[in-house]
C-alpha atoms as a PDB file:
ATOM      1  CA  MET A   1       4.037 -16.651  67.486  1.00  0.00           C
ATOM      2  CA  CYS A   2       1.962 -17.676  64.495  1.00  0.00           C
ATOM      3  CA  SER A   3       0.826 -14.114  63.811  1.00  0.00           C
ATOM      4  CA  ARG A   4       4.432 -12.879  63.905  1.00  0.00           C
ATOM      5  CA  GLN A   5       5.457 -15.478  61.291  1.00  0.00           C
ATOM      6  CA  LEU A   6       2.574 -14.488  59.013  1.00  0.00           C
ATOM      7  CA  SER A   7       3.539 -10.888  59.254  1.00  0.00           C
ATOM      8  CA  ILE A   8       7.157 -11.716  58.339  1.00  0.00           C
ATOM      9  CA  LYS A   9       5.957 -13.832  55.381  1.00  0.00           C
ATOM     10  CA  ASN A  10       3.678 -11.004  54.229  1.00  0.00           C
ATOM     11  CA  ARG A  11       6.520  -8.511  54.512  1.00  0.00           C
ATOM     12  CA  MET A  12       8.764 -10.783  52.482  1.00  0.00           C
ATOM     13  CA  LYS A  13       6.078 -11.070  49.801  1.00  0.00           C
ATOM     14  CA  ILE A  14       5.643  -7.302  49.667  1.00  0.00           C
ATOM     15  CA  ILE A  15       9.412  -6.757  49.502  1.00  0.00           C
ATOM     16  CA  SER A  16       9.673  -9.370  46.746  1.00  0.00           C
ATOM     17  CA  ILE A  17       6.899  -7.708  44.721  1.00  0.00           C
ATOM     18  CA  ILE A  18       8.545  -4.297  45.112  1.00  0.00           C
ATOM     19  CA  CYS A  19      11.904  -5.733  44.006  1.00  0.00           C
ATOM     20  CA  LEU A  20      10.269  -7.387  40.984  1.00  0.00           C
ATOM     21  CA  LEU A  21       8.562  -4.134  39.996  1.00  0.00           C
ATOM     22  CA  PHE A  22      11.804  -2.220  40.362  1.00  0.00           C
ATOM     23  CA  MET A  23      13.738  -4.785  38.323  1.00  0.00           C
ATOM     24  CA  SER A  24      11.091  -4.842  35.582  1.00  0.00           C
ATOM     25  CA  LYS A  25      11.286  -1.045  35.382  1.00  0.00           C
ATOM     26  CA  LEU A  26      15.050  -1.296  34.920  1.00  0.00           C
ATOM     27  CA  LEU A  27      14.683  -4.019  32.303  1.00  0.00           C
ATOM     28  CA  LEU A  28      12.057  -2.070  30.349  1.00  0.00           C
ATOM     29  CA  ALA A  29      13.953   1.214  30.541  1.00  0.00           C
ATOM     30  CA  GLN A  30      15.397   2.272  27.238  1.00  0.00           C
ATOM     31  CA  GLU A  31      18.411   4.430  26.638  1.00  0.00           C
ATOM     32  CA  HIS A  32      17.992   7.594  24.607  1.00  0.00           C
ATOM     33  CA  ILE A  33      20.352  10.100  23.116  1.00  0.00           C
ATOM     34  CA  VAL A  34      19.209  13.599  23.953  1.00  0.00           C
ATOM     35  CA  PHE A  35      20.412  16.569  21.914  1.00  0.00           C
ATOM     36  CA  ILE A  36      19.862  19.825  23.826  1.00  0.00           C
ATOM     37  CA  GLN A  37      20.273  23.415  22.702  1.00  0.00           C
ATOM     38  CA  GLN A  38      19.857  25.418  25.906  1.00  0.00           C
ATOM     39  CA  GLN A  39      19.860  28.863  24.267  1.00  0.00           C
ATOM     40  CA  ASN A  40      16.627  28.157  22.356  1.00  0.00           C
ATOM     41  CA  GLY A  41      15.239  25.477  24.666  1.00  0.00           C
ATOM     42  CA  LYS A  42      15.203  22.845  21.913  1.00  0.00           C
ATOM     43  CA  ILE A  43      15.370  19.139  22.730  1.00  0.00           C
ATOM     44  CA  ILE A  44      15.660  16.299  20.210  1.00  0.00           C
ATOM     45  CA  GLN A  45      15.466  12.717  21.460  1.00  0.00           C
ATOM     46  CA  ALA A  46      16.640   9.654  19.578  1.00  0.00           C
ATOM     47  CA  LYS A  47      15.905   6.151  20.814  1.00  0.00           C
ATOM     48  CA  LEU A  48      17.043   2.765  19.600  1.00  0.00           C
ATOM     49  CA  GLY A  49      15.545   2.067  16.175  1.00  0.00           C
ATOM     50  CA  ASP A  50      15.451   5.718  15.046  1.00  0.00           C
ATOM     51  CA  GLN A  51      17.418   6.782  12.002  1.00  0.00           C
ATOM     52  CA  LEU A  52      20.160   9.360  12.427  1.00  0.00           C
ATOM     53  CA  SER A  53      22.148  11.218   9.842  1.00  0.00           C
ATOM     54  CA  ILE A  54      25.472  12.184  11.423  1.00  0.00           C
ATOM     55  CA  LYS A  55      28.351  14.305  10.172  1.00  0.00           C
ATOM     56  CA  TYR A  56      31.455  13.539  12.232  1.00  0.00           C
ATOM     57  CA  ARG A  57      35.237  13.622  12.337  1.00  0.00           C
ATOM     58  CA  GLY A  58      36.801  10.258  11.551  1.00  0.00           C
ATOM     59  CA  TYR A  59      39.911   8.699  13.063  1.00  0.00           C
ATOM     60  CA  LEU A  60      42.248  10.437  10.627  1.00  0.00           C
ATOM     61  CA  GLY A  61      40.533  13.819  10.991  1.00  0.00           C
ATOM     62  CA  GLN A  62      38.486  13.477   7.797  1.00  0.00           C
ATOM     63  CA  THR A  63      34.826  14.511   7.796  1.00  0.00           C
ATOM     64  CA  GLU A  64      32.248  11.820   7.037  1.00  0.00           C
ATOM     65  CA  THR A  65      28.481  11.691   6.837  1.00  0.00           C
ATOM     66  CA  PHE A  66      26.675   8.470   7.725  1.00  0.00           C
ATOM     67  CA  LYS A  67      22.953   7.717   7.812  1.00  0.00           C
ATOM     68  CA  GLN A  68      21.730   4.539   9.478  1.00  0.00           C
ATOM     69  CA  THR A  69      19.576   3.113  12.279  1.00  0.00           C
ATOM     70  CA  LEU A  70      20.599   3.705  15.903  1.00  0.00           C
ATOM     71  CA  THR A  71      21.365   0.244  17.331  1.00  0.00           C
ATOM     72  CA  ALA A  72      23.373   0.797  20.539  1.00  0.00           C
ATOM     73  CA  ILE A  73      23.925   3.632  23.003  1.00  0.00           C
ATOM     74  CA  ASN A  74      26.832   3.952  25.452  1.00  0.00           C
ATOM     75  CA  ASP A  75      27.833   6.728  27.815  1.00  0.00           C
ATOM     76  CA  SER A  76      30.412   8.221  25.421  1.00  0.00           C
ATOM     77  CA  SER A  77      29.445   6.790  22.014  1.00  0.00           C
ATOM     78  CA  PHE A  78      26.700   5.131  19.996  1.00  0.00           C
ATOM     79  CA  VAL A  79      26.465   2.672  17.121  1.00  0.00           C
ATOM     80  CA  LEU A  80      24.669   3.331  13.849  1.00  0.00           C
ATOM     81  CA  GLY A  81      23.856   0.342  11.661  1.00  0.00           C
ATOM     82  CA  PHE A  82      23.995  -3.391  12.040  1.00  0.00           C
ATOM     83  CA  GLN A  83      26.978  -5.696  12.385  1.00  0.00           C
ATOM     84  CA  PHE A  84      26.487  -8.977  10.533  1.00  0.00           C
ATOM     85  CA  LEU A  85      28.761 -11.970  10.161  1.00  0.00           C
ATOM     86  CA  GLY A  86      30.202 -11.288   6.732  1.00  0.00           C
ATOM     87  CA  GLN A  87      32.770  -8.551   6.136  1.00  0.00           C
ATOM     88  CA  GLU A  88      30.831  -7.336   3.091  1.00  0.00           C
ATOM     89  CA  LEU A  89      27.610  -7.092   5.134  1.00  0.00           C
ATOM     90  CA  ASN A  90      29.007  -4.803   7.836  1.00  0.00           C
ATOM     91  CA  ALA A  91      27.253  -1.448   7.541  1.00  0.00           C
ATOM     92  CA  TYR A  92      27.823   0.113  10.948  1.00  0.00           C
ATOM     93  CA  LYS A  93      29.834   2.855  12.601  1.00  0.00           C
ATOM     94  CA  LYS A  94      30.689   3.477  16.229  1.00  0.00           C
ATOM     95  CA  ILE A  95      30.727   7.243  16.730  1.00  0.00           C
ATOM     96  CA  LYS A  96      31.907   9.150  19.804  1.00  0.00           C
ATOM     97  CA  TYR A  97      29.803  12.079  20.988  1.00  0.00           C
ATOM     98  CA  GLN A  98      32.847  14.364  20.932  1.00  0.00           C
ATOM     99  CA  ASP A  99      33.430  13.666  17.211  1.00  0.00           C
ATOM    100  CA  ILE A 100      29.963  14.790  16.073  1.00  0.00           C
ATOM    101  CA  ILE A 101      29.880  17.937  13.942  1.00  0.00           C
ATOM    102  CA  ALA A 102      26.199  17.906  12.907  1.00  0.00           C
ATOM    103  CA  PHE A 103      23.177  15.619  13.177  1.00  0.00           C
ATOM    104  CA  ARG A 104      19.576  15.043  12.072  1.00  0.00           C
ATOM    105  CA  ARG A 105      17.020  12.634  13.497  1.00  0.00           C
ATOM    106  CA  ILE A 106      14.929  11.121  10.723  1.00  0.00           C
ATOM    107  CA  GLY A 107      11.545  10.104  12.066  1.00  0.00           C
ATOM    108  CA  LEU A 108       9.371   7.252  10.881  1.00  0.00           C
ATOM    109  CA  GLY A 109       6.788   9.641   9.403  1.00  0.00           C
ATOM    110  CA  ARG A 110       9.412  11.369   7.270  1.00  0.00           C
ATOM    111  CA  THR A 111      10.715   8.014   6.019  1.00  0.00           C
ATOM    112  CA  ILE A 112       7.216   6.784   5.149  1.00  0.00           C
ATOM    113  CA  LEU A 113       6.342  10.087   3.431  1.00  0.00           C
ATOM    114  CA  LYS A 114       9.539  10.077   1.369  1.00  0.00           C
ATOM    115  CA  THR A 115       9.063   6.435   0.368  1.00  0.00           C
ATOM    116  CA  SER A 116       5.434   6.946  -0.604  1.00  0.00           C
ATOM    117  CA  LEU A 117       6.293  10.098  -2.591  1.00  0.00           C
ATOM    118  CA  SER A 118       9.055   8.240  -4.434  1.00  0.00           C
ATOM    119  CA  LEU A 119       6.792   5.291  -5.155  1.00  0.00           C
ATOM    120  CA  GLY A 120       3.918   7.523  -6.259  1.00  0.00           C
ATOM    121  CA  SER A 121       6.115   9.593  -8.535  1.00  0.00           C
ATOM    122  CA  ALA A 122       7.617   6.435 -10.080  1.00  0.00           C
ATOM    123  CA  VAL A 123       4.176   5.011 -10.859  1.00  0.00           C
ATOM    124  CA  GLY A 124       2.987   8.398 -12.136  1.00  0.00           C
ATOM    125  CA  LEU A 125       6.022   8.800 -14.384  1.00  0.00           C
ATOM    126  CA  ILE A 126       5.601   5.296 -15.789  1.00  0.00           C
ATOM    127  CA  LEU A 127       1.968   6.017 -16.677  1.00  0.00           C
ATOM    128  CA  LEU A 128       2.823   9.446 -18.104  1.00  0.00           C
ATOM    129  CA  LEU A 129       5.675   8.096 -20.211  1.00  0.00           C
ATOM    130  CA  ASP A 130       3.577   5.167 -21.420  1.00  0.00           C
ATOM    131  CA  ARG A 131       0.855   7.520 -22.676  1.00  0.00           C
ATOM    132  CA  THR A 132       3.429   9.901 -24.154  1.00  0.00           C
ATOM    133  CA  TYR A 133       5.149   7.106 -26.081  1.00  0.00           C
ATOM    134  CA  LYS A 134       1.834   5.757 -27.379  1.00  0.00           C
ATOM    135  CA  ASN A 135       0.725   9.189 -28.559  1.00  0.00           C
ATOM    136  CA  GLU A 136       1.668   9.553 -32.201  1.00  0.00           C
ATOM    137  CA  THR A 137       1.979  13.344 -32.084  1.00  0.00           C
ATOM    138  CA  PHE A 138       5.155  12.991 -30.037  1.00  0.00           C
ATOM    139  CA  ASN A 139       7.427  11.158 -32.415  1.00  0.00           C
ATOM    140  CA  LEU A 140      10.468  10.492 -30.247  1.00  0.00           C
ATOM    141  CA  GLY A 141      13.251   8.213 -31.275  1.00  0.00           C
ATOM    142  CA  LEU A 142      14.949   5.799 -28.922  1.00  0.00           C
ATOM    143  CA  GLY A 143      17.417   8.451 -27.722  1.00  0.00           C
ATOM    144  CA  GLY A 144      14.624  10.935 -27.077  1.00  0.00           C
ATOM    145  CA  ARG A 145      12.675   8.355 -25.066  1.00  0.00           C
ATOM    146  CA  ILE A 146      15.720   7.469 -22.975  1.00  0.00           C
ATOM    147  CA  GLY A 147      16.558  11.149 -22.414  1.00  0.00           C
ATOM    148  CA  LEU A 148      12.974  12.004 -21.434  1.00  0.00           C
ATOM    149  CA  SER A 149      12.773   9.042 -19.048  1.00  0.00           C
ATOM    150  CA  VAL A 150      16.108   9.806 -17.378  1.00  0.00           C
ATOM    151  CA  GLY A 151      15.387  13.535 -17.162  1.00  0.00           C
ATOM    152  CA  LEU A 152      11.957  13.131 -15.596  1.00  0.00           C
ATOM    153  CA  GLY A 153      13.174  10.435 -13.191  1.00  0.00           C
ATOM    154  CA  MET A 154      16.151  12.470 -12.019  1.00  0.00           C
ATOM    155  CA  GLY A 155      14.019  15.617 -11.818  1.00  0.00           C
ATOM    156  CA  MET A 156      11.467  13.937  -9.543  1.00  0.00           C
ATOM    157  CA  SER A 157      14.219  12.438  -7.399  1.00  0.00           C
ATOM    158  CA  LEU A 158      15.920  15.824  -6.990  1.00  0.00           C
ATOM    159  CA  LEU A 159      12.572  17.469  -6.186  1.00  0.00           C
ATOM    160  CA  ILE A 160      11.706  14.920  -3.477  1.00  0.00           C
ATOM    161  CA  ASN A 161      15.223  15.115  -1.991  1.00  0.00           C
ATOM    162  CA  GLY A 162      14.978  18.920  -2.071  1.00  0.00           C
ATOM    163  CA  ILE A 163      11.666  18.884  -0.206  1.00  0.00           C
ATOM    164  CA  LEU A 164      12.712  16.199   2.311  1.00  0.00           C
ATOM    165  CA  PRO A 165      16.516  16.390   2.716  1.00  0.00           C
ATOM    166  CA  GLU A 166      18.364  13.922   4.914  1.00  0.00           C
ATOM    167  CA  LYS A 167      21.667  15.708   5.400  1.00  0.00           C
ATOM    168  CA  PRO A 168      22.493  16.846   8.953  1.00  0.00           C
ATOM    169  CA  ASN A 169      21.088  20.277   9.793  1.00  0.00           C
ATOM    170  CA  HIS A 170      21.766  20.785  13.530  1.00  0.00           C
ATOM    171  CA  PHE A 171      25.368  21.807  14.185  1.00  0.00           C
ATOM    172  CA  VAL A 172      27.151  21.205  17.498  1.00  0.00           C
ATOM    173  CA  LYS A 173      28.966  24.543  17.109  1.00  0.00           C
ATOM    174  CA  ASP A 174      25.553  26.251  17.454  1.00  0.00           C
ATOM    175  CA  GLY A 175      25.343  25.150  21.095  1.00  0.00           C
ATOM    176  CA  TRP A 176      23.934  21.620  20.829  1.00  0.00           C
ATOM    177  CA  GLN A 177      24.995  19.290  23.626  1.00  0.00           C
ATOM    178  CA  ILE A 178      24.672  15.501  23.541  1.00  0.00           C
ATOM    179  CA  TYR A 179      23.751  13.245  26.464  1.00  0.00           C
ATOM    180  CA  SER A 180      22.735   9.625  26.887  1.00  0.00           C
ATOM    181  CA  VAL A 181      19.893   9.058  29.364  1.00  0.00           C
ATOM    182  CA  MET A 182      17.910   6.079  30.609  1.00  0.00           C
ATOM    183  CA  LYS A 183      14.130   6.447  30.405  1.00  0.00           C
END
């Protein structure tokens, strides 16, 4: 009788451990949005915390583009951005999969590269302009200095945005399908 009770207790322990492992797997699972283009075999995954740039149809049929962090995923929609307490701090959109026209996933590496290029070009332009203004062979007036500063700053910004664009580049009409999956 004693051996039968031990075996039942051991079975209960094993079943409890298996249930705990299964539950922890469910708790640690993260939802993803998967964009699939079956014709070319391309797959793009976006998980919570990734940045997405989405072009979509709004409620009144207008086309909008919105770039923000992916914060929630549902079976038929997702949320970009964060919802805070104040009305002026709300920078989020809930977008249905069926309304998406085009998309782009912006990875962390691209964000870091673009930020470091912008920062580096700003520091470089400040040093270049400082030396140019101190050099007496370039006698620029105040208007010339302002024009040179604005022109170089805008030129570098346009160059960086041209090299690393953030506008959506994958179009749903080209065969992209959108799914939410649990991984």
